[in-house]
Structure formats: structure tokens, C-alpha cells
């Protein structure tokens, strides 16, 4: 039975879905004002692996991850670039999806955009106002945190402790009755996009967006809500407060992944150790990053640097060499080795223990190679079948570089890299990639929804 650590209680609990045989999962997607960085990749990979595993153990999963396409940072960058907020958001949404594609991350079943749910957001805010959980001012509508018993539970702190330590994480506004109160609706400002509401024109606050989208698409009391642990406060704490303030059950289980650090320090633009995802994927096999994520428990801080990327690349070479060896052996179909599969399941069932699960996979590779050396093809075939199945569960593609006629993955990577280059206005690089693909007989077709390719 799968057990996951609930961020609300800090306790490892059995995962019991709301609806037998099904699972509903929501994780916070990007605010699309810039290219994705390594933190985005780590979090999205963590939930990709979780969803893949839930499906492998037989659950019918509905996976939802949003796009925040209206936000202060989007407004500011659009103004700086002289473009519109929708144009900027769609451009970086396309970049985000293209980069996730390079990592072989499966698309969520539903990818709602915040601007598509303003109506439901207004309805929820209205419920909070009617229930006395929120108040209006000239600058908007605010949630009154003192009205909710247990505010701060997800963050593991009392309201008083949060007030003392919130600092820059709490928005400063003289109209608020309490520093912890947060905006549900922001009154219109000159030059900003607005929508109509009972409280005048304006736009929604950040936290209400995910509440409206998750409840609409997954229903009350859905199974899992998550994201990076930097979202625990204020974002997820405030989402939880909004839903409970309406008298509705929110997520049954909270799951959060740890942060990324580079050179033993948390990755930060201010520290100068900030990598975009494209910088890594343009210089390393994208699978190396997935393997690093797999070899670090999802709740732990993850170190990314040249040394461990090199180590991961060497491990990939071992896996790819094994894949080539079993392909050359041309085994007949065989069932996956039961003992290996069971050890893998036990590792994953223990709070998604991917590091232990990968150790099981590498043990199976070692044992299969020994069986091949001993000409024990029956044992080797079953172990090889287990390796193929279990790496697939984890989204780790084996085989390395492919040859002409069997290079779809490599072409997808180049198309995605071109999309990123275009978004960054590096047209010389975009043209170089197109020319390279054209010389190999690949025809690119650009459209409003992205780029597709075909062989000429």
C-alpha cells in the first residue's frame, strides 16, 4: 500500500483515494513570465513520477496542473517589452511546455489557465464575503485570517508566529486589517487588465486561482495537492484557508517536493547561481536530470552541479549499454522478474522512494549481465524485462542516442530547443536548428499552437 508524507501533519499515511480505483492530483504549474528554471523542472518531474506510479499500480488518474497567466510579474514584463499580457503569457507557456517535453514529462490531463476561471473565482470570493470571512476596501477584497481557526496549520505555525517571521513573503498594504490578510480581489489600476466583479473592476489574487481551478476540475476533497515546498506558505496555506472558509473540504493529502541548490547553496538569482533549464538541457542529456531527481528523495533538497550530472551521465551510459546488449541478445518475450518488481514496489510504496527504487533497477542490471555472462538466458530475459518495465514506470527512456529513422526523441528535443530560442528572440540559433533539421530531411510547420514536424 502506497504511503505518502502529508505536509499538513508531517505524518506518513496510507494513500486512500476519495473514489475507489481513481486518483485526483493537482500541482501548481508555472507563472509564465520567464523561461523555466531548474526548480520548475524538479517539481514537475516529481509529480510526473508520482502520476506515472499511481497509474502503474492500477489507478485511473486525473492529473491537473495549471498555468498562472495573470500576475504582477507578467504585467510588469509585458509593459517592459511593449507587448500584451496574453501574448507574453502564451509565449512563455509554450516555452515551458517545450522544455518539459524535452524531459519526457507527460502532459497533465488538464492544463487550465487562470484567466479562464475568473468567473468561478468571483463566485468563491462572493461566498467568502457572504460568510463574513472577507472584507472590502478601496484596494480590493481581503481574506480575514483571524476568522479561520487553525490558520497556519499547513505551515506548522500559529498566526502569531507567521506574523513575526513572514517578512517579504507577506504583501504590504495599508488597507489590510492584519499583515497576514491577503488579497482575494485587487481593484483595477491604470494600464492593468481587469474583469468585472461585484466589487468593481479588477483582477483576482494569486491564491484564489488554484482554488477555483482545482475544485472545478477535481471536485471537493480531491486526493492530492502539491508543488514545491516554497509554496507551503503563503500560497498553499491561503488556498486552504479560502476553501475551508467556504465550508468546503479541500485536498485530502498535501505533497511537497524540496528545493534545488547549486554549489551547496539554494538556487537564487541574487546569489548568481541561477540556471535556466535550457542552459542545462542544451549541455547535458535531459535524462541525466531525471535520473538525478530519481536518485534524490522528493522531499529532500536536491544538489545540481557538474559533478553529479557527470555521475548521472555515466550511470545512463551503463543503462544504455545494457539496453543495447539485451537488444542484441534478441530474447523471446518473458515476464518481468517477480522478486525485482516486488522490491521496486516496496521502495516506491514507502513515500515514493525513488532512490531505493533506482537501486533495485541497477541491481537487476548487474544480475542480468551476470546471467548473460553465464549463458542463463531465462534469468537474464526476466531481469531485463523487469528493467525495461520499471524504468518505463519512472519515465526513464533507455537506449541513448538513436540512429536515422529512429530518432524521434532527438528531433523532438531540437524542435523544443528551437521554440525556446525563438521565445528568447535568439533567431540566429532558431534558424541554425531549422537549417540542421532541414538538411536531414525534417520539415517544420509552425502554427499558433506550436511547431510540428514531419519527414520530407
Protein backbone atom coordinates (compact mmCIF):
# COMPACT_ATOMS: atom_id res chain seq x y z
CA UNK A 1 0.00 0.00 0.00
CA UNK A 2 1.39 3.39 -1.02
CA UNK A 3 2.21 5.68 1.89
CA UNK A 4 2.96 9.38 1.40
CA UNK A 5 4.04 12.10 3.82
CA UNK A 6 1.20 14.55 4.40
CA UNK A 7 2.66 18.04 4.67
CA UNK A 8 -0.27 19.13 6.85
CA UNK A 9 0.50 16.64 9.61
CA UNK A 10 4.09 15.65 8.84
CA UNK A 11 2.99 12.03 9.14
CA UNK A 12 3.38 9.26 6.58
CA UNK A 13 -0.12 7.99 5.80
CA UNK A 14 -1.68 5.36 3.56
CA UNK A 15 -2.96 6.80 0.32
CA UNK A 16 -6.67 6.06 0.26
CA UNK A 17 -8.35 7.69 -2.75
CA UNK A 18 -11.62 9.55 -2.39
CA UNK A 19 -13.08 7.39 -5.15
CA UNK A 20 -12.05 3.70 -5.16
CA UNK A 21 -9.86 2.88 -8.15
CA UNK A 22 -9.29 6.52 -9.04
CA UNK A 23 -6.91 9.30 -8.04
CA UNK A 24 -7.20 13.07 -8.44
CA UNK A 25 -3.96 15.07 -8.39
CA UNK A 26 -3.37 18.82 -8.68
CA UNK A 27 0.01 20.52 -8.58
CA UNK A 28 0.81 24.18 -9.09
CA UNK A 29 2.20 24.98 -12.51
CA UNK A 30 4.30 27.96 -13.57
CA UNK A 31 3.64 31.67 -13.62
CA UNK A 32 4.55 32.23 -17.25
CA UNK A 33 6.60 35.43 -17.33
CA UNK A 34 10.04 33.90 -17.99
CA UNK A 35 11.79 30.73 -19.13
CA UNK A 36 11.58 27.78 -16.71
CA UNK A 37 14.43 27.14 -14.30
CA UNK A 38 15.68 24.03 -12.54
CA UNK A 39 13.20 24.41 -9.70
CA UNK A 40 10.31 24.16 -12.16
CA UNK A 41 11.86 21.03 -13.65
CA UNK A 42 12.44 19.35 -10.28
CA UNK A 43 8.85 19.94 -9.12
CA UNK A 44 7.24 18.93 -12.42
CA UNK A 45 9.38 15.79 -12.62
CA UNK A 46 8.41 14.86 -9.05
CA UNK A 47 4.71 14.94 -9.91
CA UNK A 48 5.26 13.28 -13.28
CA UNK A 49 6.85 10.35 -11.42
CA UNK A 50 4.04 10.28 -8.83
CA UNK A 51 1.34 10.21 -11.51
CA UNK A 52 3.17 7.53 -13.52
CA UNK A 53 3.43 5.35 -10.42
CA UNK A 54 -0.23 5.83 -9.45
CA UNK A 55 -1.19 4.66 -12.93
CA UNK A 56 1.18 1.70 -12.80
CA UNK A 57 -0.40 0.41 -9.57
CA UNK A 58 -3.74 0.44 -11.36
CA UNK A 59 -5.42 3.73 -10.52
CA UNK A 60 -7.36 5.81 -13.03
CA UNK A 61 -5.64 9.18 -12.50
CA UNK A 62 -6.90 12.64 -13.38
CA UNK A 63 -3.85 14.90 -13.31
CA UNK A 64 -4.28 18.69 -13.35
CA UNK A 65 -1.59 21.36 -13.39
CA UNK A 66 -2.40 24.99 -14.03
CA UNK A 67 -0.88 27.91 -15.87
CA UNK A 68 -0.88 31.22 -13.99
CA UNK A 69 -1.26 33.64 -16.88
CA UNK A 70 -2.10 36.82 -14.97
CA UNK A 71 0.21 38.11 -12.25
CA UNK A 72 2.18 41.19 -11.21
CA UNK A 73 5.35 39.85 -12.85
CA UNK A 74 3.55 39.14 -16.12
CA UNK A 75 2.11 42.65 -16.13
CA UNK A 76 5.50 44.21 -15.41
CA UNK A 77 7.39 42.25 -18.07
CA UNK A 78 4.72 42.83 -20.71
CA UNK A 79 5.00 46.57 -20.05
CA UNK A 80 8.81 46.41 -20.29
CA UNK A 81 8.65 44.56 -23.62
CA UNK A 82 5.81 46.64 -25.05
CA UNK A 83 3.60 43.60 -25.56
CA UNK A 84 0.31 42.44 -24.07
CA UNK A 85 -0.08 40.17 -21.06
CA UNK A 86 -1.81 37.40 -23.09
CA UNK A 87 0.90 37.47 -25.75
CA UNK A 88 3.69 37.29 -23.17
CA UNK A 89 1.97 34.55 -21.17
CA UNK A 90 1.29 32.37 -24.22
CA UNK A 91 4.88 32.76 -25.38
CA UNK A 92 6.34 31.55 -22.09
CA UNK A 93 3.66 28.90 -21.68
CA UNK A 94 4.85 27.46 -24.98
CA UNK A 95 8.45 27.61 -23.77
CA UNK A 96 7.56 25.85 -20.52
CA UNK A 97 5.73 23.02 -22.27
CA UNK A 98 8.52 22.62 -24.82
CA UNK A 99 11.14 22.32 -22.07
CA UNK A 100 9.04 19.79 -20.15
CA UNK A 101 8.70 17.81 -23.38
CA UNK A 102 12.49 17.60 -23.58
CA UNK A 103 12.38 15.91 -20.17
CA UNK A 104 9.78 13.38 -21.37
CA UNK A 105 7.29 14.73 -18.85
CA UNK A 106 3.79 13.53 -19.64
CA UNK A 107 1.29 16.32 -20.18
CA UNK A 108 -1.29 16.62 -17.40
CA UNK A 109 -4.78 15.54 -18.40
CA UNK A 110 -5.96 19.12 -17.89
CA UNK A 111 -3.90 22.33 -18.01
CA UNK A 112 -6.26 25.19 -17.06
CA UNK A 113 -5.26 28.82 -17.37
CA UNK A 114 -6.14 31.22 -14.58
CA UNK A 115 -7.78 33.72 -16.92
CA UNK A 116 -10.28 31.04 -17.97
CA UNK A 117 -11.60 30.77 -14.40
CA UNK A 118 -12.19 34.36 -13.30
CA UNK A 119 -15.95 33.75 -13.11
CA UNK A 120 -15.63 30.84 -10.65
CA UNK A 121 -13.08 32.88 -8.66
CA UNK A 122 -15.59 35.72 -8.30
CA UNK A 123 -18.20 33.21 -7.11
CA UNK A 124 -15.88 31.84 -4.41
CA UNK A 125 -14.90 35.34 -3.26
CA UNK A 126 -18.60 36.18 -3.02
CA UNK A 127 -19.15 33.16 -0.79
CA UNK A 128 -16.31 34.25 1.48
CA UNK A 129 -17.71 37.78 1.75
CA UNK A 130 -21.21 36.46 2.47
CA UNK A 131 -19.87 34.16 5.19
CA UNK A 132 -18.01 37.01 6.89
CA UNK A 133 -14.59 35.56 6.04
CA UNK A 134 -13.53 38.54 3.92
CA UNK A 135 -13.86 42.32 3.88
CA UNK A 136 -13.74 45.00 1.19
CA UNK A 137 -11.60 48.13 0.96
CA UNK A 138 -10.84 50.69 -1.71
CA UNK A 139 -7.96 48.50 -2.92
CA UNK A 140 -9.90 45.24 -3.15
CA UNK A 141 -11.26 42.31 -1.17
CA UNK A 142 -9.20 40.68 1.59
CA UNK A 143 -9.41 37.42 3.47
CA UNK A 144 -9.60 37.91 7.24
CA UNK A 145 -7.26 35.21 8.60
CA UNK A 146 -8.48 35.72 12.19
CA UNK A 147 -11.82 34.31 11.10
CA UNK A 148 -10.33 30.88 10.41
CA UNK A 149 -9.44 28.72 13.39
CA UNK A 150 -6.14 26.95 12.78
CA UNK A 151 -4.79 29.32 10.14
CA UNK A 152 -1.12 28.41 9.76
CA UNK A 153 -1.58 24.66 10.25
CA UNK A 154 -0.08 23.73 6.87
CA UNK A 155 2.94 25.93 7.57
CA UNK A 156 3.19 24.35 11.02
CA UNK A 157 2.95 27.71 12.78
CA UNK A 158 0.44 29.84 14.63
CA UNK A 159 -0.82 33.12 13.24
CA UNK A 160 1.39 34.95 15.73
CA UNK A 161 4.49 33.06 14.60
CA UNK A 162 3.66 33.74 10.95
CA UNK A 163 3.30 37.46 11.63
CA UNK A 164 6.72 37.55 13.28
CA UNK A 165 8.52 35.64 10.53
CA UNK A 166 6.59 36.44 7.37
CA UNK A 167 8.70 39.40 6.25
CA UNK A 168 8.83 39.80 2.48
CA UNK A 169 6.51 36.82 1.95
CA UNK A 170 3.51 38.88 3.04
CA UNK A 171 2.24 41.62 0.75
CA UNK A 172 2.38 45.07 2.34
CA UNK A 173 -0.88 47.03 2.05
CA UNK A 174 -2.08 49.77 4.39
CA UNK A 175 -5.70 48.83 3.63
CA UNK A 176 -5.34 45.45 5.31
CA UNK A 177 -6.56 44.97 8.86
CA UNK A 178 -3.78 42.47 9.55
CA UNK A 179 -0.42 41.94 7.80
CA UNK A 180 -1.39 38.29 7.21
CA UNK A 181 -4.68 39.14 5.48
CA UNK A 182 -4.34 38.54 1.77
CA UNK A 183 -5.95 39.78 -1.41
CA UNK A 184 -8.80 37.86 -2.98
CA UNK A 185 -9.59 40.59 -5.48
CA UNK A 186 -7.36 43.53 -6.49
CA UNK A 187 -9.04 46.74 -7.57
CA UNK A 188 -8.21 47.95 -11.08
CA UNK A 189 -5.08 50.01 -11.63
CA UNK A 190 -4.33 52.10 -14.73
CA UNK A 191 -2.87 50.05 -17.55
CA UNK A 192 -3.62 46.66 -15.98
CA UNK A 193 -6.01 44.03 -17.35
CA UNK A 194 -9.32 43.94 -15.49
CA UNK A 195 -12.51 41.92 -15.17
CA UNK A 196 -15.89 42.93 -13.80
CA UNK A 197 -16.95 41.91 -10.31
CA UNK A 198 -19.46 42.93 -7.61
CA UNK A 199 -16.59 44.90 -6.02
CA UNK A 200 -15.77 46.83 -9.15
CA UNK A 201 -13.33 46.13 -11.98
CA UNK A 202 -10.09 44.42 -11.05
CA UNK A 203 -8.31 41.09 -11.13
CA UNK A 204 -8.05 38.06 -8.84
CA UNK A 205 -5.40 37.47 -6.24
CA UNK A 206 -2.95 34.65 -6.79
CA UNK A 207 -4.22 32.08 -4.26
CA UNK A 208 -7.87 32.11 -5.32
CA UNK A 209 -6.87 31.00 -8.81
CA UNK A 210 -5.77 27.49 -7.82
CA UNK A 211 -8.77 27.02 -5.53
CA UNK A 212 -11.21 27.75 -8.34
CA UNK A 213 -9.40 25.57 -10.89
CA UNK A 214 -8.78 22.57 -8.64
CA UNK A 215 -12.28 22.45 -7.17
CA UNK A 216 -13.96 22.93 -10.54
CA UNK A 217 -11.95 20.21 -12.27
CA UNK A 218 -11.45 17.69 -9.45
CA UNK A 219 -14.26 18.42 -7.00
CA UNK A 220 -14.38 18.91 -3.24
CA UNK A 221 -11.99 16.79 -1.22
CA UNK A 222 -9.80 15.76 -4.14
CA UNK A 223 -6.92 13.45 -3.33
CA UNK A 224 -3.55 15.19 -3.66
CA UNK A 225 -2.48 18.83 -3.89
CA UNK A 226 1.16 19.74 -4.14
CA UNK A 227 4.08 21.66 -5.52
CA UNK A 228 7.46 22.89 -4.34
CA UNK A 229 7.85 23.37 -0.60
CA UNK A 230 8.40 27.08 -1.18
CA UNK A 231 4.65 27.23 -1.88
CA UNK A 232 3.59 25.92 1.54
CA UNK A 233 3.35 29.50 2.81
CA UNK A 234 1.75 31.70 1.81
CA UNK A 235 0.29 30.14 -1.35
CA UNK A 236 -0.98 26.77 -0.19
CA UNK A 237 -1.80 27.96 3.31
CA UNK A 238 -4.00 30.64 1.78
CA UNK A 239 -5.59 28.29 -0.73
CA UNK A 240 -6.53 26.01 2.14
CA UNK A 241 -7.94 28.95 4.10
CA UNK A 242 -10.09 30.07 1.18
CA UNK A 243 -11.63 26.65 0.65
CA UNK A 244 -12.25 25.97 4.33
CA UNK A 245 -13.65 29.48 4.66
CA UNK A 246 -16.36 28.46 2.19
CA UNK A 247 -17.18 25.42 4.30
CA UNK A 248 -15.84 23.04 1.65
CA UNK A 249 -13.28 20.24 2.08
CA UNK A 250 -10.05 20.82 0.18
CA UNK A 251 -7.21 18.42 -0.60
CA UNK A 252 -7.14 15.20 1.41
CA UNK A 253 -3.34 15.00 1.19
CA UNK A 254 -0.63 17.63 0.72
CA UNK A 255 2.60 16.60 -1.04
CA UNK A 256 5.58 18.94 -1.43
CA UNK A 257 8.96 18.47 -3.07
CA UNK A 258 12.20 20.01 -1.85
CA UNK A 259 14.15 22.82 -3.44
CA UNK A 260 17.18 22.84 -5.74
CA UNK A 261 20.60 24.08 -4.75
CA UNK A 262 23.71 24.70 -6.82
CA UNK A 263 27.11 24.53 -5.19
CA UNK A 264 25.62 23.82 -1.70
CA UNK A 265 23.50 26.98 -1.81
CA UNK A 266 19.83 27.36 -2.67
CA UNK A 267 19.48 28.39 -6.30
CA UNK A 268 18.75 32.11 -6.46
CA UNK A 269 19.17 34.90 -8.99
CA UNK A 270 20.53 37.13 -6.22
CA UNK A 271 23.32 34.63 -5.47
CA UNK A 272 24.34 34.38 -9.12
CA UNK A 273 23.94 30.58 -9.17
CA UNK A 274 20.74 30.58 -11.18
CA UNK A 275 20.49 28.21 -14.15
CA UNK A 276 17.69 28.20 -16.63
CA UNK A 277 16.51 24.76 -17.60
CA UNK A 278 17.55 25.40 -21.20
CA UNK A 279 21.15 26.01 -20.12
CA UNK A 280 21.27 22.57 -18.56
CA UNK A 281 19.40 20.68 -21.27
CA UNK A 282 21.46 22.25 -24.05
CA UNK A 283 24.63 20.86 -22.46
CA UNK A 284 23.55 17.61 -20.85
CA UNK A 285 21.38 14.64 -21.73
CA UNK A 286 17.91 15.57 -20.39
CA UNK A 287 17.67 12.09 -18.91
CA UNK A 288 20.57 12.94 -16.59
CA UNK A 289 18.37 15.46 -14.81
CA UNK A 290 15.52 12.96 -14.50
CA UNK A 291 17.95 10.41 -13.07
CA UNK A 292 19.24 12.96 -10.54
CA UNK A 293 15.66 13.63 -9.46
CA UNK A 294 15.02 9.91 -9.15
CA UNK A 295 18.13 9.40 -7.04
CA UNK A 296 17.10 12.12 -4.56
CA UNK A 297 14.05 11.67 -2.32
CA UNK A 298 11.40 14.10 -3.48
CA UNK A 299 11.14 15.84 -0.09
CA UNK A 300 14.88 16.49 0.20
CA UNK A 301 16.84 19.46 -1.12
CA UNK A 302 18.46 18.43 -4.37
CA UNK A 303 22.00 19.35 -5.37
CA UNK A 304 22.62 20.00 -9.08
CA UNK A 305 26.09 20.62 -10.42
CA UNK A 306 28.64 19.44 -12.93
CA UNK A 307 29.93 16.66 -10.68
CA UNK A 308 26.63 14.89 -10.08
CA UNK A 309 25.47 15.47 -13.65
CA UNK A 310 28.65 13.74 -14.79
CA UNK A 311 27.94 10.86 -12.42
CA UNK A 312 24.36 10.61 -13.64
CA UNK A 313 25.55 10.62 -17.26
CA UNK A 314 27.91 7.72 -16.51
CA UNK A 315 25.02 5.79 -14.92
CA UNK A 316 22.95 6.44 -18.04
CA UNK A 317 25.73 5.05 -20.19
CA UNK A 318 25.60 1.87 -18.11
CA UNK A 319 21.84 1.61 -18.59
CA UNK A 320 22.10 2.36 -22.31
CA UNK A 321 24.85 -0.23 -22.73
CA UNK A 322 22.65 -2.79 -21.03
CA UNK A 323 19.71 -1.86 -23.28
CA UNK A 324 21.91 -2.40 -26.35
CA UNK A 325 23.16 -5.72 -25.00
CA UNK A 326 19.69 -7.13 -24.40
CA UNK A 327 18.53 -5.85 -27.80
CA UNK A 328 21.41 -7.75 -29.42
CA UNK A 329 20.55 -10.86 -27.41
CA UNK A 330 17.09 -10.85 -29.03
CA UNK A 331 15.34 -12.51 -26.11
CA UNK A 332 11.91 -14.06 -26.57
CA UNK A 333 9.14 -12.36 -24.59
CA UNK A 334 9.50 -13.07 -20.89
CA UNK A 335 7.65 -11.96 -17.75
CA UNK A 336 9.36 -9.39 -15.54
CA UNK A 337 11.28 -10.95 -12.67
CA UNK A 338 8.76 -11.02 -9.81
CA UNK A 339 11.23 -10.52 -6.98
CA UNK A 340 12.68 -7.41 -8.65
CA UNK A 341 9.24 -5.94 -9.29
CA UNK A 342 8.22 -6.59 -5.68
CA UNK A 343 11.34 -4.88 -4.28
CA UNK A 344 10.69 -1.92 -6.59
CA UNK A 345 7.07 -1.69 -5.43
CA UNK A 346 8.10 -1.80 -1.76
CA UNK A 347 10.58 1.04 -2.31
CA UNK A 348 8.07 3.21 -4.14
CA UNK A 349 5.27 2.46 -1.68
CA UNK A 350 7.44 3.89 1.09
CA UNK A 351 6.78 7.58 0.42
CA UNK A 352 7.72 7.34 -3.25
CA UNK A 353 11.23 6.11 -2.52
CA UNK A 354 12.67 6.60 -5.98
CA UNK A 355 16.32 6.42 -4.85
CA UNK A 356 15.78 2.94 -3.40
CA UNK A 357 13.72 2.00 -6.46
CA UNK A 358 16.58 3.01 -8.78
CA UNK A 359 18.96 0.91 -6.67
CA UNK A 360 16.66 -2.06 -7.36
CA UNK A 361 16.87 -1.32 -11.10
CA UNK A 362 20.68 -1.14 -11.06
CA UNK A 363 20.84 -4.38 -9.07
CA UNK A 364 18.70 -6.03 -11.75
CA UNK A 365 21.04 -4.73 -14.47
CA UNK A 366 24.03 -6.20 -12.63
CA UNK A 367 22.30 -9.56 -12.12
CA UNK A 368 21.10 -9.70 -15.73
CA UNK A 369 24.60 -9.05 -17.02
CA UNK A 370 25.91 -11.85 -14.81
CA UNK A 371 23.20 -14.17 -16.08
CA UNK A 372 24.12 -13.32 -19.66
CA UNK A 373 27.78 -13.99 -18.93
CA UNK A 374 26.77 -17.37 -17.52
CA UNK A 375 24.55 -18.03 -20.58
CA UNK A 376 21.49 -18.21 -18.32
CA UNK A 377 19.18 -16.63 -20.87
CA UNK A 378 15.98 -17.42 -18.97
CA UNK A 379 17.03 -15.47 -15.88
CA UNK A 380 18.57 -12.70 -17.98
CA UNK A 381 15.37 -12.29 -20.01
CA UNK A 382 13.18 -11.95 -16.92
CA UNK A 383 15.54 -9.47 -15.26
CA UNK A 384 15.81 -7.50 -18.49
CA UNK A 385 12.01 -7.38 -18.76
CA UNK A 386 11.89 -6.01 -15.22
CA UNK A 387 14.43 -3.30 -16.03
CA UNK A 388 12.51 -2.24 -19.13
CA UNK A 389 9.18 -2.13 -17.27
CA UNK A 390 10.43 -0.33 -14.18
CA UNK A 391 12.45 2.33 -15.98
CA UNK A 392 9.35 2.99 -18.07
CA UNK A 393 7.30 3.44 -14.87
CA UNK A 394 9.80 6.13 -13.84
CA UNK A 395 9.77 7.79 -17.25
CA UNK A 396 13.43 6.98 -17.86
CA UNK A 397 13.96 6.22 -21.53
CA UNK A 398 16.75 3.74 -22.29
CA UNK A 399 18.90 3.38 -25.37
CA UNK A 400 20.78 6.68 -25.60
CA UNK A 401 21.35 8.29 -28.97
CA UNK A 402 19.25 6.85 -31.78
CA UNK A 403 20.04 6.31 -35.44
CA UNK A 404 18.46 7.91 -38.50
CA UNK A 405 14.92 6.68 -38.98
CA UNK A 406 14.58 6.04 -35.24
CA UNK A 407 15.39 9.49 -33.90
CA UNK A 408 12.00 10.95 -32.99
CA UNK A 409 13.09 11.80 -29.45
CA UNK A 410 16.20 13.64 -30.64
CA UNK A 411 14.15 15.58 -33.20
CA UNK A 412 11.59 16.49 -30.52
CA UNK A 413 14.43 17.86 -28.40
CA UNK A 414 15.71 20.03 -31.25
CA UNK A 415 12.23 21.34 -32.06
CA UNK A 416 11.75 22.21 -28.39
CA UNK A 417 15.16 23.93 -28.29
CA UNK A 418 14.18 25.98 -31.34
CA UNK A 419 10.94 27.02 -29.61
CA UNK A 420 12.95 28.21 -26.60
CA UNK A 421 15.37 30.11 -28.84
CA UNK A 422 12.51 31.85 -30.64
CA UNK A 423 10.91 32.85 -27.35
CA UNK A 424 14.23 34.31 -26.21
CA UNK A 425 14.44 36.16 -29.57
CA UNK A 426 17.64 34.28 -30.41
CA UNK A 427 16.64 33.99 -34.03
CA UNK A 428 20.14 33.01 -35.19
CA UNK A 429 20.00 29.87 -33.03
CA UNK A 430 16.43 29.14 -34.10
CA UNK A 431 17.46 29.39 -37.76
CA UNK A 432 20.51 27.20 -37.16
CA UNK A 433 18.33 24.44 -35.69
CA UNK A 434 15.84 24.70 -38.54
CA UNK A 435 18.65 24.52 -41.11
CA UNK A 436 20.14 21.48 -39.40
CA UNK A 437 16.80 19.68 -39.38
CA UNK A 438 16.08 20.67 -42.97
CA UNK A 439 19.43 19.23 -44.07
CA UNK A 440 18.32 15.92 -42.54
CA UNK A 441 15.00 15.94 -44.38
CA UNK A 442 12.86 17.19 -41.47
CA UNK A 443 10.12 19.67 -42.36
CA UNK A 444 8.95 22.06 -39.61
CA UNK A 445 5.46 23.51 -39.64
CA UNK A 446 4.81 26.50 -37.35
CA UNK A 447 1.32 27.41 -36.24
CA UNK A 448 -0.41 29.40 -33.49
CA UNK A 449 -0.48 26.28 -31.31
CA UNK A 450 3.19 25.43 -31.71
CA UNK A 451 5.55 23.61 -34.08
CA UNK A 452 5.08 20.17 -35.56
CA UNK A 453 7.47 18.24 -37.75
CA UNK A 454 7.40 15.55 -40.38
CA UNK A 455 9.90 13.77 -42.54
CA UNK A 456 10.13 15.30 -46.02
